[in-house]
Amino acid sequence: MGADFIANLHAIRQPNTIIVSLGTTTTFMKVTNYKFDGVIIAPGIRNSLKTMIRSAAQLKNSKFE
């Protein structure tokens, strides 16, 4: 596990929760009874936007902040 996973898990205040972390990747972490139960790792918002713009001829490249 990376430092970001450990920091997110350490910050848990509810026994059953889903943590969403946005960055280079978007991660959805499931916690059950204060224990790490699983994760979905997807491309980050910026990477998804770049790929979508490259794949769709009618979309213009926009500045994303």
C-alpha atoms as a PDB file:
ATOM      1  CA  MET A   1       0.000   0.000   0.000  1.00  0.00           C
ATOM      2  CA  GLY A   2       1.097   3.521  -0.753  1.00  0.00           C
ATOM      3  CA  ALA A   3       1.289   6.357   1.738  1.00  0.00           C
ATOM      4  CA  ASP A   4      -1.954   7.839   0.364  1.00  0.00           C
ATOM      5  CA  PHE A   5      -3.866   4.620   1.121  1.00  0.00           C
ATOM      6  CA  ILE A   6      -2.480   4.477   4.647  1.00  0.00           C
ATOM      7  CA  ALA A   7      -3.288   8.160   5.287  1.00  0.00           C
ATOM      8  CA  ASN A   8      -6.855   7.724   3.991  1.00  0.00           C
ATOM      9  CA  LEU A   9      -7.438   4.634   6.113  1.00  0.00           C
ATOM     10  CA  HIS A  10      -5.989   6.333   9.201  1.00  0.00           C
ATOM     11  CA  ALA A  11      -8.469   9.216   8.841  1.00  0.00           C
ATOM     12  CA  ILE A  12     -11.574   6.995   9.040  1.00  0.00           C
ATOM     13  CA  ARG A  13     -14.189   8.132  11.572  1.00  0.00           C
ATOM     14  CA  GLN A  14     -17.052   5.772  10.619  1.00  0.00           C
ATOM     15  CA  PRO A  15     -16.924   1.934  10.828  1.00  0.00           C
ATOM     16  CA  ASN A  16     -18.440   1.454   7.355  1.00  0.00           C
ATOM     17  CA  THR A  17     -17.524   3.947   4.691  1.00  0.00           C
ATOM     18  CA  ILE A  18     -16.280   4.557   1.171  1.00  0.00           C
ATOM     19  CA  ILE A  19     -13.290   6.845   0.671  1.00  0.00           C
ATOM     20  CA  VAL A  20     -12.942   8.626  -2.679  1.00  0.00           C
ATOM     21  CA  SER A  21      -9.476   9.929  -3.488  1.00  0.00           C
ATOM     22  CA  LEU A  22      -8.890  12.123  -6.548  1.00  0.00           C
ATOM     23  CA  GLY A  23      -5.434  12.482  -8.033  1.00  0.00           C
ATOM     24  CA  THR A  24      -3.433  10.874 -10.833  1.00  0.00           C
ATOM     25  CA  THR A  25      -5.857   8.028 -10.306  1.00  0.00           C
ATOM     26  CA  THR A  26      -9.328   8.051  -8.783  1.00  0.00           C
ATOM     27  CA  THR A  27      -9.676   5.446  -6.053  1.00  0.00           C
ATOM     28  CA  PHE A  28     -12.777   4.218  -4.266  1.00  0.00           C
ATOM     29  CA  MET A  29     -11.849   2.396  -1.068  1.00  0.00           C
ATOM     30  CA  LYS A  30     -14.426   0.333   0.832  1.00  0.00           C
ATOM     31  CA  VAL A  31     -14.025   0.013   4.587  1.00  0.00           C
ATOM     32  CA  THR A  32     -16.137  -2.409   6.626  1.00  0.00           C
ATOM     33  CA  ASN A  33     -15.929  -2.438  10.437  1.00  0.00           C
ATOM     34  CA  TYR A  34     -12.840  -0.222  10.286  1.00  0.00           C
ATOM     35  CA  LYS A  35     -11.028  -2.744   8.055  1.00  0.00           C
ATOM     36  CA  PHE A  36      -9.947  -2.252   4.453  1.00  0.00           C
ATOM     37  CA  ASP A  37     -12.343  -4.338   2.351  1.00  0.00           C
ATOM     38  CA  GLY A  38     -11.440  -3.488  -1.249  1.00  0.00           C
ATOM     39  CA  VAL A  39     -10.587  -0.821  -3.773  1.00  0.00           C
ATOM     40  CA  ILE A  40     -11.437   0.277  -7.300  1.00  0.00           C
ATOM     41  CA  ILE A  41      -8.664   2.154  -9.080  1.00  0.00           C
ATOM     42  CA  ALA A  42      -9.659   4.198 -12.145  1.00  0.00           C
ATOM     43  CA  PRO A  43      -7.889   6.819 -14.277  1.00  0.00           C
ATOM     44  CA  GLY A  44      -7.803  10.281 -12.760  1.00  0.00           C
ATOM     45  CA  ILE A  45     -10.002  13.117 -13.977  1.00  0.00           C
ATOM     46  CA  ARG A  46      -7.252  14.854 -15.980  1.00  0.00           C
ATOM     47  CA  ASN A  47      -6.182  11.611 -17.713  1.00  0.00           C
ATOM     48  CA  SER A  48      -9.789  10.733 -18.504  1.00  0.00           C
ATOM     49  CA  LEU A  49     -10.416  14.201 -19.944  1.00  0.00           C
ATOM     50  CA  LYS A  50      -7.295  14.039 -22.149  1.00  0.00           C
ATOM     51  CA  THR A  51      -8.277  10.609 -23.462  1.00  0.00           C
ATOM     52  CA  MET A  52     -11.850  11.688 -24.155  1.00  0.00           C
ATOM     53  CA  ILE A  53     -10.694  14.791 -26.065  1.00  0.00           C
ATOM     54  CA  ARG A  54      -8.282  12.722 -28.177  1.00  0.00           C
ATOM     55  CA  SER A  55     -11.045  10.219 -28.968  1.00  0.00           C
ATOM     56  CA  ALA A  56     -13.865  12.649 -29.808  1.00  0.00           C
ATOM     57  CA  ALA A  57     -13.202  14.859 -32.832  1.00  0.00           C
ATOM     58  CA  GLN A  58     -15.882  17.436 -31.931  1.00  0.00           C
ATOM     59  CA  LEU A  59     -14.498  18.198 -28.456  1.00  0.00           C
ATOM     60  CA  LYS A  60     -12.037  21.039 -27.991  1.00  0.00           C
ATOM     61  CA  ASN A  61      -9.181  20.880 -25.570  1.00  0.00           C
ATOM     62  CA  SER A  62     -10.181  22.981 -22.556  1.00  0.00           C
ATOM     63  CA  LYS A  63      -8.223  24.114 -19.552  1.00  0.00           C
ATOM     64  CA  PHE A  64      -9.207  22.026 -16.539  1.00  0.00           C
ATOM     65  CA  GLU A  65      -8.613  23.268 -12.997  1.00  0.00           C
END
